[in-house]
Amino acid sequence: MINTTLTHAFAYSAIFAGYALVTLTMYPRLWLRHYPAAERQQQPPKGRGERIATACHGIFFIVVILLALPVLSLLIAYGAETDPAIALRHIAILGIIASLVDWLILDWLLLRYLQPQWLIPADTQASSWQSKKDIVKDAIGFPIGSSIAVAWGYVVSRFF
């Protein structure tokens, strides 16, 4: 059973990371809230269209990527009649691994260390993405994301 969960966790993490990378590359200001503090302050305010797009992106990301995909994964992997403990474990592991990928691969490796030009927004300074304060903020995001995953797994497990 754990192999199935781990397989789904890596697939889910790839979808999670893929969505983040594509949207950051194509529409970087959707992620303005996640820019380094120094860069965020230098950006012009979002217009009405950008605020609407950011709200739609946030709703889609939370509802579909963070909440619905783990439940869909659970249903595909174990069916609708699974044990609550399995449901909790499955969803928690998916979220914890996705949080780990977000922290170590997206935030630290790509944005803070490698900094490919296609990923760092053109109107920002690459050096600002290495701020220690923002690196600490990224690290704090891991336990927060993991806790949310465990809580969501608990909520979903109550329905099985």
N, C-alpha and C. Protein backbone atom coordinates (compact mmCIF):
# COMPACT_ATOMS: atom_id res chain seq x y z
N MET A 1 0.80 -1.20 0.00
CA MET A 1 0.00 0.00 0.00
C MET A 1 0.85 1.27 0.00
N ILE A 2 1.93 1.25 0.73
CA ILE A 2 2.76 2.46 0.82
C ILE A 2 3.38 2.79 -0.54
N ASN A 3 3.68 1.77 -1.35
CA ASN A 3 4.24 2.02 -2.68
C ASN A 3 3.24 2.78 -3.54
N THR A 4 1.95 2.42 -3.43
CA THR A 4 0.92 3.12 -4.18
C THR A 4 0.84 4.57 -3.74
N THR A 5 0.85 4.79 -2.44
CA THR A 5 0.79 6.15 -1.92
C THR A 5 2.01 6.96 -2.36
N LEU A 6 3.19 6.37 -2.28
CA LEU A 6 4.40 7.09 -2.69
C LEU A 6 4.38 7.41 -4.19
N THR A 7 3.90 6.48 -5.00
CA THR A 7 3.79 6.73 -6.44
C THR A 7 2.85 7.90 -6.69
N HIS A 8 1.71 7.90 -6.02
CA HIS A 8 0.76 9.00 -6.17
C HIS A 8 1.35 10.30 -5.63
N ALA A 9 2.12 10.22 -4.56
CA ALA A 9 2.72 11.42 -3.97
C ALA A 9 3.70 12.08 -4.94
N PHE A 10 4.49 11.27 -5.62
CA PHE A 10 5.45 11.85 -6.57
C PHE A 10 4.73 12.40 -7.80
N ALA A 11 3.67 11.73 -8.24
CA ALA A 11 2.88 12.26 -9.36
C ALA A 11 2.19 13.57 -8.95
N TYR A 12 1.61 13.59 -7.76
CA TYR A 12 0.96 14.80 -7.26
C TYR A 12 1.97 15.94 -7.12
N SER A 13 3.15 15.65 -6.61
CA SER A 13 4.18 16.68 -6.47
C SER A 13 4.60 17.23 -7.83
N ALA A 14 4.65 16.36 -8.84
CA ALA A 14 4.99 16.82 -10.19
C ALA A 14 3.91 17.75 -10.74
N ILE A 15 2.65 17.43 -10.50
CA ILE A 15 1.55 18.30 -10.93
C ILE A 15 1.61 19.63 -10.18
N PHE A 16 1.79 19.56 -8.88
CA PHE A 16 1.90 20.74 -8.02
C PHE A 16 3.03 21.65 -8.52
N ALA A 17 4.22 21.07 -8.68
CA ALA A 17 5.39 21.84 -9.12
C ALA A 17 5.21 22.34 -10.54
N GLY A 18 4.67 21.51 -11.40
CA GLY A 18 4.44 21.91 -12.79
C GLY A 18 3.52 23.11 -12.89
N TYR A 19 2.42 23.07 -12.14
CA TYR A 19 1.50 24.20 -12.14
C TYR A 19 2.20 25.47 -11.65
N ALA A 20 2.93 25.35 -10.56
CA ALA A 20 3.64 26.51 -10.01
C ALA A 20 4.66 27.06 -11.00
N LEU A 21 5.44 26.20 -11.62
CA LEU A 21 6.47 26.65 -12.56
C LEU A 21 5.87 27.28 -13.81
N VAL A 22 4.83 26.66 -14.36
CA VAL A 22 4.20 27.21 -15.57
C VAL A 22 3.58 28.57 -15.29
N THR A 23 2.84 28.67 -14.21
CA THR A 23 2.19 29.96 -13.93
C THR A 23 3.22 31.01 -13.53
N LEU A 24 4.26 30.63 -12.81
CA LEU A 24 5.30 31.60 -12.45
C LEU A 24 6.04 32.09 -13.70
N THR A 25 6.24 31.21 -14.64
CA THR A 25 6.94 31.58 -15.88
C THR A 25 6.05 32.45 -16.77
N MET A 26 4.79 32.05 -16.93
CA MET A 26 3.90 32.75 -17.86
C MET A 26 3.26 34.00 -17.25
N TYR A 27 2.90 33.92 -15.97
CA TYR A 27 2.20 35.02 -15.29
C TYR A 27 2.81 35.24 -13.91
N PRO A 28 4.04 35.75 -13.85
CA PRO A 28 4.75 35.83 -12.57
C PRO A 28 4.04 36.65 -11.50
N ARG A 29 3.28 37.66 -11.91
CA ARG A 29 2.64 38.52 -10.90
C ARG A 29 1.49 37.82 -10.18
N LEU A 30 1.06 36.65 -10.66
CA LEU A 30 0.10 35.86 -9.90
C LEU A 30 0.70 35.43 -8.56
N TRP A 31 2.02 35.30 -8.53
CA TRP A 31 2.75 34.84 -7.35
C TRP A 31 3.42 36.01 -6.62
N LEU A 32 2.99 37.23 -6.89
CA LEU A 32 3.62 38.42 -6.30
C LEU A 32 3.73 38.32 -4.78
N ARG A 33 2.75 37.73 -4.16
CA ARG A 33 2.75 37.58 -2.70
C ARG A 33 3.94 36.73 -2.23
N HIS A 34 4.50 35.91 -3.11
CA HIS A 34 5.61 35.03 -2.76
C HIS A 34 6.97 35.59 -3.20
N TYR A 35 6.98 36.75 -3.80
CA TYR A 35 8.24 37.39 -4.18
C TYR A 35 9.01 37.74 -2.90
N PRO A 36 10.32 37.90 -3.02
CA PRO A 36 11.08 38.41 -1.87
C PRO A 36 10.51 39.77 -1.46
N ALA A 37 10.57 40.06 -0.18
CA ALA A 37 9.99 41.30 0.35
C ALA A 37 10.49 42.53 -0.38
N ALA A 38 11.79 42.59 -0.66
CA ALA A 38 12.36 43.76 -1.34
C ALA A 38 11.77 43.94 -2.73
N GLU A 39 11.54 42.85 -3.43
CA GLU A 39 10.97 42.91 -4.78
C GLU A 39 9.49 43.25 -4.75
N ARG A 40 8.78 42.71 -3.79
CA ARG A 40 7.35 42.96 -3.67
C ARG A 40 7.08 44.45 -3.50
N GLN A 41 7.92 45.12 -2.72
CA GLN A 41 7.73 46.54 -2.45
C GLN A 41 8.01 47.41 -3.68
N GLN A 42 8.83 46.92 -4.60
CA GLN A 42 9.19 47.69 -5.78
C GLN A 42 8.22 47.51 -6.94
N GLN A 43 7.31 46.56 -6.82
CA GLN A 43 6.38 46.28 -7.90
C GLN A 43 5.23 47.29 -7.90
N PRO A 44 4.76 47.68 -9.08
CA PRO A 44 3.59 48.56 -9.12
C PRO A 44 2.37 47.80 -8.60
N PRO A 45 1.39 48.53 -8.07
CA PRO A 45 0.20 47.85 -7.57
C PRO A 45 -0.51 47.09 -8.69
N LYS A 46 -1.20 46.04 -8.30
CA LYS A 46 -1.95 45.26 -9.28
C LYS A 46 -3.18 46.04 -9.72
N GLY A 47 -3.45 45.96 -11.01
CA GLY A 47 -4.67 46.56 -11.54
C GLY A 47 -5.86 45.65 -11.25
N ARG A 48 -7.04 46.11 -11.63
CA ARG A 48 -8.26 45.34 -11.37
C ARG A 48 -8.20 43.96 -12.02
N GLY A 49 -7.76 43.91 -13.27
CA GLY A 49 -7.67 42.63 -13.99
C GLY A 49 -6.70 41.67 -13.31
N GLU A 50 -5.56 42.19 -12.85
CA GLU A 50 -4.58 41.35 -12.16
C GLU A 50 -5.12 40.84 -10.83
N ARG A 51 -5.87 41.68 -10.12
CA ARG A 51 -6.46 41.24 -8.84
C ARG A 51 -7.48 40.13 -9.07
N ILE A 52 -8.28 40.26 -10.11
CA ILE A 52 -9.25 39.22 -10.44
C ILE A 52 -8.53 37.94 -10.84
N ALA A 53 -7.51 38.06 -11.68
CA ALA A 53 -6.74 36.88 -12.11
C ALA A 53 -6.06 36.21 -10.92
N THR A 54 -5.52 37.00 -10.01
CA THR A 54 -4.86 36.45 -8.82
C THR A 54 -5.87 35.72 -7.94
N ALA A 55 -7.06 36.29 -7.78
CA ALA A 55 -8.10 35.64 -6.98
C ALA A 55 -8.53 34.32 -7.63
N CYS A 56 -8.71 34.32 -8.94
CA CYS A 56 -9.09 33.08 -9.66
C CYS A 56 -7.99 32.03 -9.53
N HIS A 57 -6.74 32.46 -9.69
CA HIS A 57 -5.60 31.56 -9.53
C HIS A 57 -5.56 30.98 -8.12
N GLY A 58 -5.77 31.83 -7.12
CA GLY A 58 -5.75 31.36 -5.73
C GLY A 58 -6.86 30.36 -5.45
N ILE A 59 -8.05 30.65 -5.93
CA ILE A 59 -9.18 29.73 -5.73
C ILE A 59 -8.91 28.41 -6.44
N PHE A 60 -8.45 28.47 -7.69
CA PHE A 60 -8.15 27.24 -8.43
C PHE A 60 -7.06 26.45 -7.72
N PHE A 61 -6.00 27.12 -7.31
CA PHE A 61 -4.88 26.43 -6.67
C PHE A 61 -5.33 25.74 -5.38
N ILE A 62 -6.07 26.46 -4.56
CA ILE A 62 -6.51 25.88 -3.29
C ILE A 62 -7.52 24.76 -3.50
N VAL A 63 -8.57 25.04 -4.28
CA VAL A 63 -9.65 24.07 -4.44
C VAL A 63 -9.22 22.85 -5.24
N VAL A 64 -8.59 23.07 -6.38
CA VAL A 64 -8.25 21.95 -7.26
C VAL A 64 -6.94 21.28 -6.86
N ILE A 65 -5.87 22.05 -6.82
CA ILE A 65 -4.54 21.46 -6.58
C ILE A 65 -4.39 20.98 -5.14
N LEU A 66 -4.70 21.82 -4.17
CA LEU A 66 -4.45 21.46 -2.78
C LEU A 66 -5.51 20.54 -2.17
N LEU A 67 -6.77 20.71 -2.54
CA LEU A 67 -7.84 19.94 -1.89
C LEU A 67 -8.38 18.79 -2.74
N ALA A 68 -8.76 19.06 -3.98
CA ALA A 68 -9.43 18.04 -4.79
C ALA A 68 -8.48 16.95 -5.31
N LEU A 69 -7.31 17.33 -5.78
CA LEU A 69 -6.40 16.31 -6.33
C LEU A 69 -6.00 15.23 -5.32
N PRO A 70 -5.69 15.57 -4.07
CA PRO A 70 -5.39 14.50 -3.11
C PRO A 70 -6.58 13.56 -2.88
N VAL A 71 -7.80 14.10 -2.86
CA VAL A 71 -8.99 13.25 -2.69
C VAL A 71 -9.17 12.36 -3.92
N LEU A 72 -9.00 12.93 -5.10
CA LEU A 72 -9.09 12.14 -6.33
C LEU A 72 -8.04 11.03 -6.33
N SER A 73 -6.84 11.37 -5.91
CA SER A 73 -5.77 10.38 -5.82
C SER A 73 -6.15 9.24 -4.86
N LEU A 74 -6.71 9.61 -3.73
CA LEU A 74 -7.16 8.60 -2.75
C LEU A 74 -8.20 7.68 -3.36
N LEU A 75 -9.17 8.25 -4.05
CA LEU A 75 -10.24 7.45 -4.66
C LEU A 75 -9.69 6.53 -5.75
N ILE A 76 -8.76 7.03 -6.53
CA ILE A 76 -8.15 6.20 -7.58
C ILE A 76 -7.32 5.08 -6.96
N ALA A 77 -6.54 5.42 -5.94
CA ALA A 77 -5.63 4.44 -5.34
C ALA A 77 -6.35 3.39 -4.51
N TYR A 78 -7.34 3.81 -3.72
CA TYR A 78 -7.92 2.88 -2.75
C TYR A 78 -9.43 2.72 -2.84
N GLY A 79 -10.10 3.50 -3.67
CA GLY A 79 -11.54 3.38 -3.81
C GLY A 79 -12.30 4.13 -2.73
N ALA A 80 -13.61 4.17 -2.89
CA ALA A 80 -14.47 4.94 -1.99
C ALA A 80 -14.70 4.25 -0.65
N GLU A 81 -14.39 2.98 -0.56
CA GLU A 81 -14.64 2.22 0.68
C GLU A 81 -13.34 1.90 1.41
N THR A 82 -12.47 2.88 1.52
CA THR A 82 -11.18 2.64 2.17
C THR A 82 -11.26 2.92 3.66
N ASP A 83 -10.30 2.43 4.37
CA ASP A 83 -10.20 2.64 5.82
C ASP A 83 -9.84 4.10 6.11
N PRO A 84 -10.43 4.72 7.13
CA PRO A 84 -10.10 6.11 7.46
C PRO A 84 -8.61 6.34 7.74
N ALA A 85 -7.95 5.39 8.35
CA ALA A 85 -6.52 5.55 8.63
C ALA A 85 -5.71 5.60 7.34
N ILE A 86 -6.10 4.81 6.37
CA ILE A 86 -5.42 4.83 5.06
C ILE A 86 -5.67 6.16 4.37
N ALA A 87 -6.91 6.65 4.45
CA ALA A 87 -7.23 7.94 3.83
C ALA A 87 -6.39 9.06 4.44
N LEU A 88 -6.32 9.09 5.75
CA LEU A 88 -5.51 10.11 6.44
C LEU A 88 -4.05 10.00 6.02
N ARG A 89 -3.50 8.81 6.08
CA ARG A 89 -2.09 8.61 5.73
C ARG A 89 -1.81 9.00 4.28
N HIS A 90 -2.67 8.59 3.37
CA HIS A 90 -2.47 8.85 1.94
C HIS A 90 -2.42 10.36 1.67
N ILE A 91 -3.44 11.07 2.13
CA ILE A 91 -3.50 12.51 1.86
C ILE A 91 -2.39 13.25 2.59
N ALA A 92 -2.08 12.85 3.80
CA ALA A 92 -0.99 13.50 4.54
C ALA A 92 0.35 13.31 3.82
N ILE A 93 0.62 12.11 3.37
CA ILE A 93 1.89 11.85 2.67
C ILE A 93 1.97 12.64 1.37
N LEU A 94 0.87 12.71 0.62
CA LEU A 94 0.87 13.51 -0.60
C LEU A 94 1.24 14.96 -0.30
N GLY A 95 0.60 15.53 0.71
CA GLY A 95 0.86 16.93 1.04
C GLY A 95 2.25 17.18 1.59
N ILE A 96 2.73 16.27 2.42
CA ILE A 96 4.06 16.44 3.01
C ILE A 96 5.13 16.37 1.93
N ILE A 97 5.01 15.43 1.01
CA ILE A 97 6.01 15.32 -0.06
C ILE A 97 5.92 16.52 -1.00
N ALA A 98 4.70 16.98 -1.30
CA ALA A 98 4.56 18.17 -2.14
C ALA A 98 5.16 19.39 -1.45
N SER A 99 4.97 19.53 -0.14
CA SER A 99 5.57 20.64 0.61
C SER A 99 7.09 20.56 0.58
N LEU A 100 7.60 19.35 0.69
CA LEU A 100 9.05 19.15 0.64
C LEU A 100 9.61 19.52 -0.74
N VAL A 101 8.92 19.11 -1.80
CA VAL A 101 9.34 19.45 -3.16
C VAL A 101 9.27 20.97 -3.36
N ASP A 102 8.20 21.59 -2.88
CA ASP A 102 8.06 23.04 -3.00
C ASP A 102 9.22 23.75 -2.30
N TRP A 103 9.51 23.33 -1.09
CA TRP A 103 10.56 23.97 -0.30
C TRP A 103 11.95 23.72 -0.88
N LEU A 104 12.33 22.46 -1.04
CA LEU A 104 13.71 22.15 -1.41
C LEU A 104 14.00 22.32 -2.90
N ILE A 105 13.06 21.94 -3.77
CA ILE A 105 13.34 22.00 -5.20
C ILE A 105 12.92 23.34 -5.80
N LEU A 106 11.66 23.73 -5.58
CA LEU A 106 11.21 24.99 -6.19
C LEU A 106 11.84 26.20 -5.53
N ASP A 107 11.66 26.30 -4.21
CA ASP A 107 12.14 27.50 -3.52
C ASP A 107 13.66 27.58 -3.43
N TRP A 108 14.29 26.55 -2.90
CA TRP A 108 15.72 26.65 -2.66
C TRP A 108 16.57 26.35 -3.89
N LEU A 109 16.34 25.23 -4.53
CA LEU A 109 17.20 24.86 -5.65
C LEU A 109 16.99 25.78 -6.86
N LEU A 110 15.74 25.90 -7.30
CA LEU A 110 15.50 26.69 -8.51
C LEU A 110 15.53 28.20 -8.27
N LEU A 111 14.68 28.68 -7.37
CA LEU A 111 14.57 30.13 -7.20
C LEU A 111 15.74 30.76 -6.47
N ARG A 112 16.28 30.08 -5.47
CA ARG A 112 17.33 30.70 -4.66
C ARG A 112 18.75 30.38 -5.17
N TYR A 113 18.95 29.18 -5.74
CA TYR A 113 20.30 28.78 -6.10
C TYR A 113 20.55 28.85 -7.62
N LEU A 114 19.84 28.05 -8.40
CA LEU A 114 20.10 27.99 -9.85
C LEU A 114 19.61 29.24 -10.58
N GLN A 115 18.48 29.75 -10.21
CA GLN A 115 17.89 30.95 -10.77
C GLN A 115 17.90 31.02 -12.30
N PRO A 116 17.24 30.06 -12.94
CA PRO A 116 17.19 30.13 -14.41
C PRO A 116 16.45 31.38 -14.86
N GLN A 117 16.92 31.98 -15.95
CA GLN A 117 16.34 33.24 -16.42
C GLN A 117 14.86 33.08 -16.78
N TRP A 118 14.46 31.91 -17.23
CA TRP A 118 13.06 31.70 -17.61
C TRP A 118 12.13 31.67 -16.40
N LEU A 119 12.71 31.55 -15.20
CA LEU A 119 11.90 31.43 -14.00
C LEU A 119 11.88 32.69 -13.14
N ILE A 120 12.99 33.38 -13.08
CA ILE A 120 13.07 34.61 -12.28
C ILE A 120 12.40 35.74 -13.08
N PRO A 121 11.38 36.39 -12.54
CA PRO A 121 10.71 37.46 -13.28
C PRO A 121 11.69 38.52 -13.76
N ALA A 122 11.52 38.95 -14.99
CA ALA A 122 12.47 39.85 -15.65
C ALA A 122 12.62 41.19 -14.93
N ASP A 123 11.59 41.65 -14.27
CA ASP A 123 11.65 42.96 -13.64
C ASP A 123 12.14 42.90 -12.19
N THR A 124 12.84 41.82 -11.84
CA THR A 124 13.37 41.69 -10.48
C THR A 124 14.88 41.45 -10.54
N GLN A 125 15.53 41.67 -9.41
CA GLN A 125 16.97 41.43 -9.29
C GLN A 125 17.21 40.01 -8.79
N ALA A 126 18.01 39.25 -9.48
CA ALA A 126 18.26 37.86 -9.10
C ALA A 126 18.84 37.76 -7.69
N SER A 127 19.67 38.70 -7.31
CA SER A 127 20.29 38.65 -5.97
C SER A 127 19.27 38.79 -4.85
N SER A 128 18.18 39.48 -5.10
CA SER A 128 17.17 39.65 -4.05
C SER A 128 16.48 38.33 -3.71
N TRP A 129 16.53 37.37 -4.61
CA TRP A 129 15.90 36.07 -4.38
C TRP A 129 16.74 35.21 -3.43
N GLN A 130 17.88 35.72 -2.99
CA GLN A 130 18.73 34.98 -2.06
C GLN A 130 18.74 35.60 -0.66
N SER A 131 17.77 36.43 -0.37
CA SER A 131 17.66 37.07 0.94
C SER A 131 17.46 36.00 2.02
N LYS A 132 18.24 36.11 3.10
CA LYS A 132 18.14 35.13 4.20
C LYS A 132 16.75 35.13 4.83
N LYS A 133 16.15 36.30 4.94
CA LYS A 133 14.82 36.40 5.52
C LYS A 133 13.81 35.59 4.69
N ASP A 134 13.92 35.68 3.37
CA ASP A 134 13.00 34.94 2.50
C ASP A 134 13.32 33.45 2.48
N ILE A 135 14.57 33.10 2.64
CA ILE A 135 14.94 31.68 2.71
C ILE A 135 14.35 31.06 3.98
N VAL A 136 14.38 31.80 5.07
CA VAL A 136 13.78 31.33 6.33
C VAL A 136 12.26 31.20 6.16
N LYS A 137 11.65 32.18 5.47
CA LYS A 137 10.20 32.13 5.21
C LYS A 137 9.85 30.87 4.42
N ASP A 138 10.68 30.52 3.45
CA ASP A 138 10.45 29.29 2.67
C ASP A 138 10.52 28.06 3.58
N ALA A 139 11.50 28.05 4.47
CA ALA A 139 11.66 26.90 5.37
C ALA A 139 10.45 26.77 6.31
N ILE A 140 9.92 27.87 6.76
CA ILE A 140 8.75 27.84 7.64
C ILE A 140 7.52 27.34 6.88
N GLY A 141 7.50 27.55 5.57
CA GLY A 141 6.38 27.08 4.76
C GLY A 141 6.24 25.57 4.75
N PHE A 142 7.34 24.85 4.92
CA PHE A 142 7.28 23.38 4.91
C PHE A 142 6.43 22.83 6.05
N PRO A 143 6.70 23.17 7.31
CA PRO A 143 5.84 22.63 8.37
C PRO A 143 4.40 23.14 8.28
N ILE A 144 4.21 24.35 7.76
CA ILE A 144 2.85 24.86 7.61
C ILE A 144 2.10 24.03 6.56
N GLY A 145 2.73 23.83 5.40
CA GLY A 145 2.10 23.02 4.35
C GLY A 145 1.86 21.59 4.79
N SER A 146 2.80 21.04 5.52
CA SER A 146 2.65 19.67 6.02
C SER A 146 1.50 19.57 7.02
N SER A 147 1.38 20.57 7.88
CA SER A 147 0.29 20.58 8.86
C SER A 147 -1.07 20.69 8.18
N ILE A 148 -1.14 21.51 7.16
CA ILE A 148 -2.39 21.65 6.40
C ILE A 148 -2.74 20.32 5.74
N ALA A 149 -1.73 19.62 5.21
CA ALA A 149 -1.97 18.32 4.57
C ALA A 149 -2.50 17.31 5.57
N VAL A 150 -1.92 17.27 6.75
CA VAL A 150 -2.39 16.33 7.78
C VAL A 150 -3.81 16.69 8.20
N ALA A 151 -4.08 17.98 8.37
CA ALA A 151 -5.44 18.40 8.76
C ALA A 151 -6.44 18.05 7.67
N TRP A 152 -6.09 18.27 6.41
CA TRP A 152 -6.99 17.92 5.30
C TRP A 152 -7.19 16.40 5.25
N GLY A 153 -6.13 15.66 5.46
CA GLY A 153 -6.26 14.20 5.50
C GLY A 153 -7.20 13.76 6.60
N TYR A 154 -7.11 14.41 7.75
CA TYR A 154 -8.02 14.08 8.87
C TYR A 154 -9.46 14.38 8.50
N VAL A 155 -9.70 15.55 7.92
CA VAL A 155 -11.07 15.92 7.53
C VAL A 155 -11.63 14.91 6.53
N VAL A 156 -10.85 14.59 5.52
CA VAL A 156 -11.32 13.65 4.49
C VAL A 156 -11.54 12.27 5.10
N SER A 157 -10.67 11.84 6.02
CA SER A 157 -10.79 10.51 6.60
C SER A 157 -12.09 10.35 7.41
N ARG A 158 -12.66 11.44 7.87
CA ARG A 158 -13.92 11.37 8.64
C ARG A 158 -15.09 10.96 7.75
N PHE A 159 -14.92 11.05 6.42
CA PHE A 159 -15.99 10.67 5.50
C PHE A 159 -15.85 9.23 5.01
N PHE A 160 -14.86 8.52 5.47
CA PHE A 160 -14.65 7.12 5.05
C PHE A 160 -14.91 6.18 6.20
